[in-house]
N, C-alpha and C. Protein backbone atom coordinates (compact mmCIF):
# COMPACT_ATOMS: atom_id res chain seq x y z
N UNK A 1 4.57 17.91 20.59
CA UNK A 1 3.69 17.34 19.55
C UNK A 1 4.24 18.87 18.03
N UNK A 2 4.12 19.59 18.70
CA UNK A 2 3.90 20.55 17.46
C UNK A 2 5.10 20.87 16.69
N UNK A 3 6.19 20.42 17.51
CA UNK A 3 7.67 20.21 16.24
C UNK A 3 7.63 19.03 15.73
N UNK A 4 7.06 17.99 15.92
CA UNK A 4 6.77 17.38 15.44
C UNK A 4 5.96 17.41 13.95
N UNK A 5 5.01 18.17 14.05
CA UNK A 5 4.09 17.92 12.80
C UNK A 5 4.55 19.25 11.96
N UNK A 6 5.43 19.88 12.44
CA UNK A 6 5.77 21.28 11.67
C UNK A 6 7.55 19.98 10.89
N UNK A 7 8.10 19.33 10.99
CA UNK A 7 9.01 18.93 10.95
C UNK A 7 8.05 18.37 9.75
N UNK A 8 7.30 17.19 9.65
CA UNK A 8 6.37 16.84 9.10
C UNK A 8 6.10 17.44 7.46
N UNK A 9 5.25 18.63 8.01
CA UNK A 9 4.89 19.65 6.68
C UNK A 9 6.24 20.14 5.89
N UNK A 10 7.02 20.13 6.90
CA UNK A 10 8.26 20.81 6.00
C UNK A 10 8.93 19.41 5.37
N UNK A 11 8.71 18.36 5.63
CA UNK A 11 9.37 16.89 4.99
C UNK A 11 8.36 17.10 4.00
N UNK A 12 6.90 16.44 4.14
CA UNK A 12 6.28 16.85 2.50
C UNK A 12 6.62 17.77 1.51
N UNK A 13 6.11 19.08 2.63
CA UNK A 13 6.90 20.01 1.33
C UNK A 13 7.98 20.13 0.42
N UNK A 14 9.44 19.08 1.12
CA UNK A 14 10.34 19.99 0.75
C UNK A 14 10.07 18.20 -0.21
N UNK A 15 9.92 16.82 -0.23
CA UNK A 15 9.32 15.70 -1.29
C UNK A 15 8.46 16.73 -2.29
N UNK A 16 7.66 17.18 -2.38
CA UNK A 16 7.08 17.99 -2.93
C UNK A 16 7.36 18.57 -4.02
N UNK A 17 7.97 19.88 -3.45
CA UNK A 17 8.58 20.23 -4.40
C UNK A 17 10.36 19.85 -4.91
N UNK A 18 10.39 18.90 -4.63
CA UNK A 18 11.17 18.25 -5.86
C UNK A 18 11.41 17.90 -6.59
N UNK A 19 10.38 17.89 -7.66
CA UNK A 19 10.28 18.11 -9.27
C UNK A 19 10.91 17.55 -10.15
N UNK A 20 10.81 16.12 -11.34
CA UNK A 20 11.55 16.09 -11.94
C UNK A 20 10.55 15.42 -13.31
N UNK A 21 10.80 15.31 -14.48
CA UNK A 21 9.81 14.61 -15.42
C UNK A 21 10.33 13.28 -15.34
N UNK A 22 11.72 12.82 -15.13
CA UNK A 22 11.87 11.66 -14.96
C UNK A 22 11.07 10.80 -13.59
N UNK A 23 11.03 12.02 -12.21
CA UNK A 23 10.38 10.55 -11.40
C UNK A 23 8.95 11.14 -11.55
N UNK A 24 8.35 12.29 -12.43
CA UNK A 24 6.65 12.06 -12.32
C UNK A 24 6.65 10.57 -13.73
N UNK A 25 7.32 10.74 -14.24
CA UNK A 25 7.46 9.58 -15.21
C UNK A 25 7.16 8.06 -14.76
N UNK A 26 8.20 7.87 -13.30
CA UNK A 26 8.27 6.63 -12.42
C UNK A 26 6.97 6.33 -11.61
N UNK A 27 7.24 7.63 -10.63
CA UNK A 27 6.40 7.61 -9.37
C UNK A 27 4.82 7.68 -9.98
N UNK A 28 4.36 8.32 -10.40
CA UNK A 28 3.12 8.43 -10.73
C UNK A 28 2.36 7.19 -11.11
N UNK A 29 2.73 6.86 -12.94
CA UNK A 29 2.33 5.71 -13.18
C UNK A 29 1.86 4.15 -11.23
N UNK A 30 3.22 4.34 -10.83
CA UNK A 30 2.66 3.22 -9.30
C UNK A 30 2.10 3.73 -8.85
N UNK A 31 1.69 5.43 -8.43
CA UNK A 31 0.55 5.86 -7.33
C UNK A 31 -0.89 5.22 -8.14
N UNK A 32 -0.67 5.75 -9.56
CA UNK A 32 -2.27 5.95 -10.45
C UNK A 32 -2.56 4.26 -9.87
N UNK A 33 -1.45 3.43 -10.05
CA UNK A 33 -2.05 1.94 -10.09
C UNK A 33 -2.87 1.40 -9.09
N UNK A 34 -3.06 2.10 -7.42
CA UNK A 34 -3.52 1.89 -6.62
C UNK A 34 -5.05 3.03 -6.42
N UNK A 35 -4.82 3.75 -7.20
CA UNK A 35 -6.21 4.56 -7.23
C UNK A 35 -7.32 4.29 -6.84
N UNK A 36 -7.87 4.36 -5.90
CA UNK A 36 -9.41 3.61 -5.45
C UNK A 36 -9.33 1.81 -5.44
N UNK A 37 -8.21 1.23 -5.29
CA UNK A 37 -8.37 -0.36 -5.24
C UNK A 37 -8.33 -0.59 -6.59
N UNK A 38 -8.25 0.25 -7.71
CA UNK A 38 -8.11 -0.17 -8.89
C UNK A 38 -7.52 -1.26 -9.36
N UNK A 39 -6.15 -0.99 -9.55
CA UNK A 39 -4.95 -1.56 -9.95
C UNK A 39 -5.54 -2.71 -9.25
N UNK A 40 -5.30 -3.07 -7.56
CA UNK A 40 -5.47 -3.95 -7.23
C UNK A 40 -6.42 -5.23 -7.28
N UNK A 41 -7.03 -4.53 -7.40
CA UNK A 41 -8.78 -5.27 -7.71
C UNK A 41 -8.76 -5.96 -9.15
N UNK A 42 -7.77 -5.10 -10.23
CA UNK A 42 -7.42 -6.10 -11.17
C UNK A 42 -6.74 -7.49 -10.93
N UNK A 43 -5.55 -7.43 -9.87
CA UNK A 43 -5.09 -8.23 -9.98
C UNK A 43 -5.43 -9.09 -9.07
N UNK A 44 -6.47 -8.77 -8.12
CA UNK A 44 -7.19 -10.09 -7.28
C UNK A 44 -8.20 -10.89 -7.92
N UNK A 45 -8.85 -9.90 -8.96
CA UNK A 45 -9.82 -10.82 -9.70
C UNK A 45 -8.76 -11.47 -10.41
N UNK A 46 -7.50 -11.34 -11.63
CA UNK A 46 -7.21 -12.25 -12.11
C UNK A 46 -6.48 -13.31 -11.54
N UNK A 47 -6.13 -12.65 -9.71
CA UNK A 47 -5.60 -14.50 -9.28
C UNK A 47 -7.03 -15.41 -9.09
N UNK A 48 -8.19 -14.49 -8.78
CA UNK A 48 -8.99 -15.39 -8.49
C UNK A 48 -9.57 -16.38 -8.97
N UNK A 49 -9.46 -15.68 -10.78
CA UNK A 49 -10.16 -16.54 -11.87
C UNK A 49 -9.39 -17.26 -12.47
N UNK A 50 -8.26 -16.79 -12.05
CA UNK A 50 -7.29 -17.90 -13.51
C UNK A 50 -5.86 -18.29 -12.92
N UNK A 51 -5.55 -18.30 -11.50
CA UNK A 51 -4.73 -18.79 -10.75
C UNK A 51 -5.01 -19.72 -9.78
N UNK A 52 -3.90 -20.76 -9.20
CA UNK A 52 -4.08 -22.13 -9.06
C UNK A 52 -5.22 -21.81 -7.59
N UNK A 53 -5.51 -23.21 -6.70
CA UNK A 53 -5.49 -23.48 -5.50
C UNK A 53 -5.04 -22.34 -4.04
N UNK A 54 -3.60 -21.87 -4.23
CA UNK A 54 -3.06 -21.57 -3.23
C UNK A 54 -3.37 -20.18 -3.71
N UNK A 55 -3.15 -19.99 -4.82
CA UNK A 55 -3.00 -18.23 -4.85
C UNK A 55 -4.70 -17.41 -4.54
N UNK A 56 -5.24 -18.42 -5.40
CA UNK A 56 -7.07 -18.12 -4.73
C UNK A 56 -7.35 -17.72 -3.28
N UNK A 57 -6.92 -18.98 -2.53
CA UNK A 57 -6.83 -18.89 -1.16
C UNK A 57 -6.38 -17.68 -0.63
N UNK A 58 -5.22 -17.47 -1.09
CA UNK A 58 -4.10 -16.44 0.14
C UNK A 58 -5.02 -15.34 -0.94
N UNK A 59 -5.00 -14.70 -2.08
CA UNK A 59 -5.58 -14.15 -2.21
C UNK A 59 -7.66 -13.70 -1.63
N UNK A 60 -8.06 -14.47 -0.82
CA UNK A 60 -9.42 -14.43 -0.36
C UNK A 60 -8.89 -13.64 0.68
N UNK A 61 -7.86 -14.61 1.85
CA UNK A 61 -7.00 -14.36 2.60
C UNK A 61 -6.44 -11.91 3.06
N UNK A 62 -5.92 -12.20 1.68
CA UNK A 62 -5.54 -10.69 1.45
C UNK A 62 -7.42 -9.71 1.07
N UNK A 63 -7.81 -10.12 0.48
CA UNK A 63 -8.99 -9.60 0.73
C UNK A 63 -9.78 -9.45 1.90
N UNK A 64 -10.37 -10.55 2.93
CA UNK A 64 -10.04 -10.44 4.04
C UNK A 64 -9.15 -9.01 5.16
N UNK A 65 -8.12 -9.11 4.89
CA UNK A 65 -7.67 -8.57 5.53
C UNK A 65 -7.57 -7.33 4.95
N UNK A 66 -7.67 -6.79 3.73
CA UNK A 66 -8.46 -5.71 2.81
C UNK A 66 -9.39 -4.61 3.57
N UNK A 67 -10.30 -5.51 3.36
CA UNK A 67 -12.10 -5.49 3.36
C UNK A 67 -11.99 -5.23 5.43
N UNK A 68 -11.48 -5.70 5.69
CA UNK A 68 -11.34 -5.61 7.64
C UNK A 68 -10.86 -3.94 7.82
N UNK A 69 -9.44 -3.71 6.68
CA UNK A 69 -8.62 -2.26 7.18
C UNK A 69 -9.47 -1.09 6.74
N UNK A 70 -9.82 -1.27 5.60
CA UNK A 70 -10.99 -0.49 4.54
C UNK A 70 -11.81 0.25 5.08
N UNK A 71 -13.02 -0.79 6.02
CA UNK A 71 -14.28 -0.65 6.09
C UNK A 71 -14.32 -0.64 7.75
N UNK A 72 -13.21 -1.34 8.45
CA UNK A 72 -13.56 -1.02 9.72
C UNK A 72 -12.21 0.01 10.89
N UNK A 73 -10.96 -0.82 10.41
CA UNK A 73 -10.15 0.41 10.64
C UNK A 73 -10.11 1.94 10.28
N UNK A 74 -10.10 1.64 8.76
CA UNK A 74 -9.63 3.18 8.19
C UNK A 74 -10.47 4.54 8.90
N UNK A 75 -11.97 4.23 9.08
CA UNK A 75 -12.99 5.10 9.04
C UNK A 75 -12.69 5.12 10.60
N UNK A 76 -12.24 4.51 11.25
CA UNK A 76 -12.03 4.90 13.06
C UNK A 76 -10.26 5.59 13.21
N UNK A 77 -9.82 5.53 12.14
CA UNK A 77 -8.88 6.79 12.46
C UNK A 77 -9.06 7.99 11.78
N UNK A 78 -9.30 7.55 10.44
CA UNK A 78 -9.94 9.16 9.71
C UNK A 78 -10.98 9.89 10.78
N UNK A 79 -11.63 9.44 11.62
CA UNK A 79 -13.02 10.62 12.78
C UNK A 79 -12.11 10.72 14.02
N UNK A 80 -10.98 10.03 14.22
CA UNK A 80 -10.32 10.01 15.64
C UNK A 80 -8.66 11.00 14.83
N UNK A 81 -8.92 10.95 14.20
CA UNK A 81 -7.64 12.03 13.82
C UNK A 81 -7.30 12.98 12.08
N UNK A 82 -8.76 13.33 12.07
CA UNK A 82 -8.80 13.83 10.77
C UNK A 82 -8.11 14.84 10.79
N UNK A 83 -7.27 14.71 9.50
CA UNK A 83 -6.31 15.64 8.57
C UNK A 83 -6.38 16.40 7.60
N UNK A 84 -6.41 17.04 7.11
CA UNK A 84 -6.24 17.21 5.87
C UNK A 84 -5.68 17.50 4.74
N UNK A 85 -5.61 16.85 3.42
CA UNK A 85 -4.70 16.89 2.50
C UNK A 85 -3.94 17.61 2.36
N UNK A 86 -2.45 17.55 2.20
CA UNK A 86 -1.30 18.62 1.91
C UNK A 86 -1.96 19.76 0.61
N UNK A 87 -2.44 19.50 -0.34
CA UNK A 87 -2.63 20.12 -1.46
C UNK A 87 -4.13 20.88 -0.75
N UNK A 88 -4.56 20.90 0.20
CA UNK A 88 -5.60 21.65 0.55
C UNK A 88 -5.44 22.61 1.22
N UNK A 89 -5.01 22.93 2.05
CA UNK A 89 -4.66 23.72 2.76
C UNK A 89 -2.66 24.54 2.78
N UNK A 90 -1.50 23.37 2.44
CA UNK A 90 -0.42 23.99 2.07
C UNK A 90 0.07 25.05 1.53
N UNK A 91 0.45 26.45 1.28
CA UNK A 91 1.30 26.57 0.54
C UNK A 91 2.18 26.40 -0.56
N UNK A 92 2.17 26.23 -2.10
CA UNK A 92 3.33 25.87 -2.83
C UNK A 92 3.42 24.18 -2.83
N UNK A 93 2.45 23.26 -2.25
CA UNK A 93 2.14 22.04 -2.86
C UNK A 93 1.37 22.02 -4.49
N UNK A 94 2.22 21.04 -4.54
CA UNK A 94 1.54 20.31 -6.67
C UNK A 94 0.92 19.53 -6.40
N UNK A 95 -0.25 19.87 -6.94
CA UNK A 95 -1.05 18.23 -6.50
C UNK A 95 -1.26 17.41 -8.16
N UNK A 96 -0.80 16.35 -7.93
CA UNK A 96 -0.93 15.79 -9.17
C UNK A 96 -1.94 14.49 -8.68
N UNK A 97 -2.95 13.56 -9.68
CA UNK A 97 -3.72 12.67 -9.14
C UNK A 97 -5.05 13.02 -8.83
N UNK A 98 -5.10 11.84 -8.41
CA UNK A 98 -7.02 12.10 -8.07
C UNK A 98 -6.93 13.12 -6.47
N UNK A 99 -7.85 13.99 -7.10
CA UNK A 99 -7.90 14.91 -5.78
C UNK A 99 -8.79 14.59 -4.89
N UNK A 100 -8.74 13.59 -3.63
CA UNK A 100 -9.28 13.04 -2.96
C UNK A 100 -9.66 13.96 -2.03
N UNK A 101 -11.09 13.83 -1.51
CA UNK A 101 -11.65 14.56 -0.63
C UNK A 101 -11.80 13.63 0.88
N UNK A 102 -11.17 12.93 1.11
CA UNK A 102 -11.58 12.34 2.48
C UNK A 102 -10.46 13.11 2.72
N UNK A 103 -9.80 11.90 4.62
CA UNK A 103 -8.84 12.96 5.29
C UNK A 103 -7.79 12.42 5.04
N UNK A 104 -6.60 12.51 5.08
CA UNK A 104 -5.27 12.26 5.10
C UNK A 104 -4.77 10.90 5.85
N UNK A 105 -5.07 11.17 6.66
CA UNK A 105 -4.55 10.34 8.11
C UNK A 105 -5.25 8.30 8.13
N UNK A 106 -5.14 7.30 8.17
CA UNK A 106 -3.05 7.45 7.09
C UNK A 106 -3.50 6.64 5.96
N UNK A 107 -2.27 7.11 4.93
CA UNK A 107 -2.71 6.63 3.81
C UNK A 107 -3.40 5.24 3.29
N UNK A 108 -4.07 5.41 2.17
CA UNK A 108 -4.97 3.95 1.71
C UNK A 108 -3.87 2.91 1.29
N UNK A 109 -2.83 3.77 0.12
CA UNK A 109 -2.04 3.57 -0.85
C UNK A 109 -1.01 3.13 0.54
N UNK A 110 -0.23 3.37 0.76
CA UNK A 110 0.85 2.74 1.56
C UNK A 110 0.24 1.54 2.38
N UNK A 111 -1.33 1.58 3.48
CA UNK A 111 -1.34 0.10 3.90
C UNK A 111 -1.84 -0.57 2.79
N UNK A 112 -2.13 -0.57 1.70
CA UNK A 112 -2.78 -1.66 0.86
C UNK A 112 -1.18 -2.51 -0.07
N UNK A 113 -0.06 -1.29 -0.25
CA UNK A 113 1.38 -2.00 -0.98
C UNK A 113 1.73 -2.95 0.44
N UNK A 114 1.65 -2.31 1.60
CA UNK A 114 2.68 -2.96 2.30
C UNK A 114 1.60 -4.23 2.63
N UNK A 115 0.74 -4.59 2.88
CA UNK A 115 -0.49 -5.71 3.09
C UNK A 115 0.25 -6.78 2.07
N UNK A 116 -0.12 -5.70 0.87
CA UNK A 116 0.33 -6.89 -0.22
C UNK A 116 1.12 -7.34 -0.42
N UNK A 117 2.66 -6.67 -0.38
CA UNK A 117 3.96 -6.89 -0.18
C UNK A 117 4.46 -7.85 0.81
N UNK A 118 4.24 -7.94 1.92
CA UNK A 118 4.06 -8.81 2.90
C UNK A 118 3.89 -10.21 2.89
N UNK A 119 2.25 -10.26 2.49
CA UNK A 119 1.77 -11.90 1.81
C UNK A 119 1.95 -12.25 0.54
N UNK A 120 2.27 -11.59 -0.56
CA UNK A 120 2.69 -12.09 -1.66
C UNK A 120 4.05 -12.30 -1.34
N UNK A 121 4.53 -11.40 -1.01
CA UNK A 121 6.33 -11.39 -0.89
C UNK A 121 7.04 -13.02 -0.21
N UNK A 122 5.96 -12.82 0.78
CA UNK A 122 6.56 -14.35 1.71
C UNK A 122 6.19 -15.26 1.35
N UNK A 123 5.25 -15.10 0.72
CA UNK A 123 4.23 -16.83 -0.43
C UNK A 123 5.08 -16.97 -1.09
N UNK A 124 5.82 -15.57 -2.20
CA UNK A 124 6.45 -15.91 -3.51
C UNK A 124 7.76 -15.05 -3.24
N UNK A 125 8.27 -15.91 -3.07
CA UNK A 125 9.55 -15.08 -2.15
C UNK A 125 10.38 -14.24 -3.55
N UNK A 126 10.21 -15.10 -4.42
CA UNK A 126 10.60 -14.40 -5.88
C UNK A 126 10.50 -12.95 -5.69
N UNK A 127 9.25 -12.52 -6.28
CA UNK A 127 8.38 -11.88 -5.58
C UNK A 127 8.44 -10.23 -4.64
N UNK A 128 9.30 -10.82 -3.94
CA UNK A 128 9.53 -9.99 -2.12
C UNK A 128 10.30 -8.74 -3.13
N UNK A 129 11.48 -8.61 -3.60
CA UNK A 129 12.24 -7.24 -3.77
C UNK A 129 11.94 -6.46 -4.50
N UNK A 130 10.43 -7.28 -6.24
CA UNK A 130 10.01 -5.96 -6.88
C UNK A 130 9.02 -6.24 -6.00
N UNK A 131 7.99 -6.22 -5.26
CA UNK A 131 6.81 -5.77 -4.30
C UNK A 131 7.29 -4.68 -3.45
N UNK A 132 8.62 -5.11 -2.77
CA UNK A 132 9.59 -3.72 -2.10
C UNK A 132 9.70 -2.56 -2.57
N UNK A 133 10.28 -2.97 -3.67
CA UNK A 133 10.25 -1.80 -4.33
C UNK A 133 9.71 -0.70 -4.99
N UNK A 134 8.27 -1.60 -5.25
CA UNK A 134 7.14 -0.79 -5.54
C UNK A 134 6.14 -0.37 -4.66
N UNK A 135 6.68 -0.63 -3.46
CA UNK A 135 5.95 -0.61 -2.33
C UNK A 135 6.63 1.01 -2.07
N UNK A 136 8.02 0.81 -2.14
CA UNK A 136 8.69 2.49 -1.48
C UNK A 136 8.37 3.20 -2.29
N UNK A 137 8.12 3.28 -3.53
CA UNK A 137 7.94 3.99 -4.41
C UNK A 137 6.61 4.54 -4.70
N UNK A 138 5.82 3.95 -4.11
CA UNK A 138 4.37 4.69 -3.88
C UNK A 138 4.45 4.98 -2.76
N UNK A 139 4.89 4.61 -1.58
CA UNK A 139 5.41 5.26 -0.39
C UNK A 139 6.02 6.56 -0.52
N UNK A 140 6.74 7.13 -1.10
CA UNK A 140 7.90 8.18 -1.44
C UNK A 140 6.45 8.94 -2.94
N UNK A 141 5.87 8.12 -3.75
CA UNK A 141 4.83 9.19 -4.23
C UNK A 141 3.84 10.05 -3.69
N UNK A 142 2.82 9.07 -2.56
CA UNK A 142 2.24 10.25 -2.15
C UNK A 142 2.49 11.37 -1.51
N UNK A 143 3.79 11.83 -0.73
CA UNK A 143 3.52 13.11 -0.28
C UNK A 143 4.03 13.93 -2.07
N UNK A 144 4.45 12.98 -2.86
CA UNK A 144 5.47 13.56 -3.84
C UNK A 144 3.87 14.11 -4.56
N UNK A 145 3.10 13.61 -4.88
CA UNK A 145 1.60 14.36 -5.39
C UNK A 145 0.81 14.51 -4.35
N UNK A 146 0.97 15.37 -3.35
CA UNK A 146 0.69 15.99 -2.45
C UNK A 146 -0.38 15.79 -1.80
N UNK A 147 -1.01 14.42 -1.96
CA UNK A 147 -2.04 13.95 -1.40
C UNK A 147 -1.79 13.53 -0.25
N UNK A 148 -0.87 12.87 0.49
CA UNK A 148 -0.23 12.57 1.88
C UNK A 148 0.80 13.53 2.81
N UNK A 149 0.78 13.37 3.55
CA UNK A 149 2.29 13.69 4.43
C UNK A 149 3.22 12.84 4.54
N UNK A 150 4.41 12.91 5.28
CA UNK A 150 4.92 11.60 5.70
C UNK A 150 4.61 11.40 6.48
N UNK A 151 4.16 11.72 7.29
CA UNK A 151 3.58 10.62 8.87
C UNK A 151 2.34 9.89 8.84
N UNK A 152 1.27 10.20 7.76
CA UNK A 152 0.44 9.89 7.09
C UNK A 152 0.45 8.12 6.55
N UNK A 153 2.23 8.59 5.43
CA UNK A 153 2.70 7.55 4.86
C UNK A 153 3.11 6.37 5.85
N UNK A 154 4.04 6.99 6.62
CA UNK A 154 4.31 6.15 7.59
C UNK A 154 3.10 5.12 8.47
N UNK A 155 2.16 5.72 9.24
CA UNK A 155 1.17 5.12 9.53
C UNK A 155 0.18 4.33 8.76
N UNK A 156 -0.20 4.64 7.55
CA UNK A 156 -0.27 3.66 6.30
C UNK A 156 0.61 2.57 6.10
N UNK A 157 1.88 2.59 6.66
CA UNK A 157 2.54 1.96 6.14
C UNK A 157 3.03 1.27 7.44
N UNK A 158 2.96 1.33 8.53
CA UNK A 158 2.21 0.55 9.89
C UNK A 158 1.07 -0.37 9.89
N UNK A 159 0.62 0.25 9.49
CA UNK A 159 -0.85 0.21 9.68
C UNK A 159 -1.08 -1.25 8.61
N UNK A 160 -0.79 -0.87 7.27
CA UNK A 160 -0.27 -2.31 6.39
C UNK A 160 0.57 -3.43 6.84
N UNK A 161 1.62 -2.62 7.90
CA UNK A 161 2.52 -3.88 7.92
C UNK A 161 1.68 -4.64 8.69
N UNK A 162 1.00 -4.02 9.73
CA UNK A 162 0.88 -5.11 11.31
C UNK A 162 -0.47 -6.08 10.56
N UNK A 163 -1.28 -5.46 9.62
CA UNK A 163 -1.94 -6.16 8.86
C UNK A 163 -2.13 -7.38 7.44
N UNK A 164 -1.11 -7.39 7.18
CA UNK A 164 0.26 -8.04 6.51
C UNK A 164 0.25 -8.82 7.59
N UNK A 165 1.03 -8.83 8.68
CA UNK A 165 1.54 -9.81 9.48
C UNK A 165 0.72 -10.79 9.99
N UNK A 166 -0.78 -10.23 10.48
CA UNK A 166 -1.42 -10.92 10.35
C UNK A 166 -2.31 -11.80 9.18
N UNK A 167 -2.34 -11.24 8.42
CA UNK A 167 -2.53 -12.32 7.43
C UNK A 167 -1.48 -13.21 6.51
N UNK A 168 -0.70 -12.81 7.09
CA UNK A 168 0.55 -13.79 6.93
C UNK A 168 0.21 -15.15 8.18
N UNK A 169 -0.40 -15.07 9.72
CA UNK A 169 -0.37 -15.63 10.61
C UNK A 169 -1.45 -16.55 10.13
N UNK A 170 -2.21 -16.11 9.38
CA UNK A 170 -3.95 -16.53 8.98
C UNK A 170 -2.98 -18.09 7.73
N UNK A 171 -2.36 -17.07 7.03
CA UNK A 171 -2.07 -17.88 6.00
C UNK A 171 -1.83 -19.05 6.19
N UNK A 172 -0.74 -19.01 7.01
CA UNK A 172 0.45 -20.23 8.21
C UNK A 172 -0.40 -21.16 8.67
N UNK A 173 -1.15 -20.72 9.45
CA UNK A 173 -2.47 -21.49 9.86
C UNK A 173 -3.07 -22.61 9.29
N UNK A 174 -3.48 -22.08 8.18
CA UNK A 174 -3.79 -23.04 7.24
C UNK A 174 -3.22 -23.49 5.71
N UNK A 175 -1.81 -23.23 6.36
CA UNK A 175 -0.94 -24.29 4.81
C UNK A 175 -0.84 -23.97 4.26
N UNK A 176 -1.06 -22.57 3.92
CA UNK A 176 -0.63 -21.55 2.40
C UNK A 176 0.91 -20.84 2.21
N UNK A 177 1.17 -20.94 3.68
CA UNK A 177 2.80 -20.15 3.64
C UNK A 177 3.82 -21.09 3.64
N UNK A 178 3.66 -22.24 2.47
CA UNK A 178 4.22 -23.40 2.53
C UNK A 178 5.99 -23.36 2.86
N UNK A 179 6.89 -23.90 3.92
CA UNK A 179 8.65 -23.45 3.53
C UNK A 179 8.80 -24.48 2.27
N UNK A 180 8.02 -25.08 1.81
CA UNK A 180 8.55 -25.67 0.95
C UNK A 180 9.54 -25.03 -0.56
N UNK A 181 11.01 -24.96 -0.46
CA UNK A 181 11.74 -24.38 -1.38
C UNK A 181 10.28 -23.98 -2.49
N UNK A 182 10.44 -24.88 -4.22
CA UNK A 182 9.89 -24.84 -4.69
C UNK A 182 8.62 -23.77 -4.50
N UNK A 183 7.80 -23.40 -3.34
CA UNK A 183 6.67 -22.67 -3.61
C UNK A 183 6.64 -21.33 -3.09
N UNK A 184 8.20 -20.96 -2.56
CA UNK A 184 8.70 -20.42 -1.99
C UNK A 184 9.46 -19.27 -3.09
N UNK A 185 9.69 -20.13 -3.90
CA UNK A 185 10.55 -19.00 -5.37
C UNK A 185 9.61 -19.04 -6.23
N UNK A 186 9.11 -19.81 -7.04
CA UNK A 186 7.93 -19.69 -7.66
C UNK A 186 7.09 -18.78 -7.55
N UNK A 187 6.08 -17.45 -8.51
CA UNK A 187 5.04 -16.71 -8.41
C UNK A 187 3.98 -17.34 -8.45
N UNK A 188 3.24 -16.16 -8.59
CA UNK A 188 2.01 -16.65 -9.26
C UNK A 188 1.39 -17.14 -10.36
N UNK A 189 1.07 -18.66 -10.81
CA UNK A 189 0.33 -19.08 -11.31
C UNK A 189 1.50 -20.45 -11.95
N UNK A 190 2.51 -20.25 -11.14
CA UNK A 190 3.15 -21.23 -11.05
C UNK A 190 3.64 -22.40 -10.43
N UNK A 191 3.00 -22.23 -9.30
CA UNK A 191 3.04 -23.30 -8.66
C UNK A 191 1.88 -24.89 -8.56
N UNK A 192 2.40 -25.53 -7.93
CA UNK A 192 1.44 -27.36 -8.45
C UNK A 192 0.32 -27.22 -7.95
N UNK A 193 0.58 -26.00 -6.19
CA UNK A 193 -0.09 -25.95 -5.39
C UNK A 193 -1.59 -25.45 -5.44
């Protein structure tokens, strides 16, 4: 286990120390989008207010999964696996973004993006690849910013993947994941349902 954690710290340090102004300009806005969930809250509000019925219902499913993850599961992980953020104890770490004081494991950014990508990407197939790219950029940005270890990000993405699949299952059960080609290829705001 010790060698695994050593690898995690070395990988985190390597990502964090390989900075470039172009990477800063690319990664940090994507990372800041999810700070405190603000970007996703804005997206959910827009879909709830301006979206068609299907988009509103999908957003309610997403919101339910997100609340379950944030308020039931994340506190358990943080209590039983408290891990300091890299910038608080690792020498040579450059910290960018909001200096969170909560524990590091698992990454909330990672679970949020993974959940959203699975649910919305599978509901609106033309958005799947853009969401995957934004998710990967976000995952890389967290150790890059010194806010998470690599394993925190992997665990967060895993948690988000599981919750996203549960959300897809719930949405499928109530008929929101229609396989009618038209609905699968259109984006939010373009569906007739």
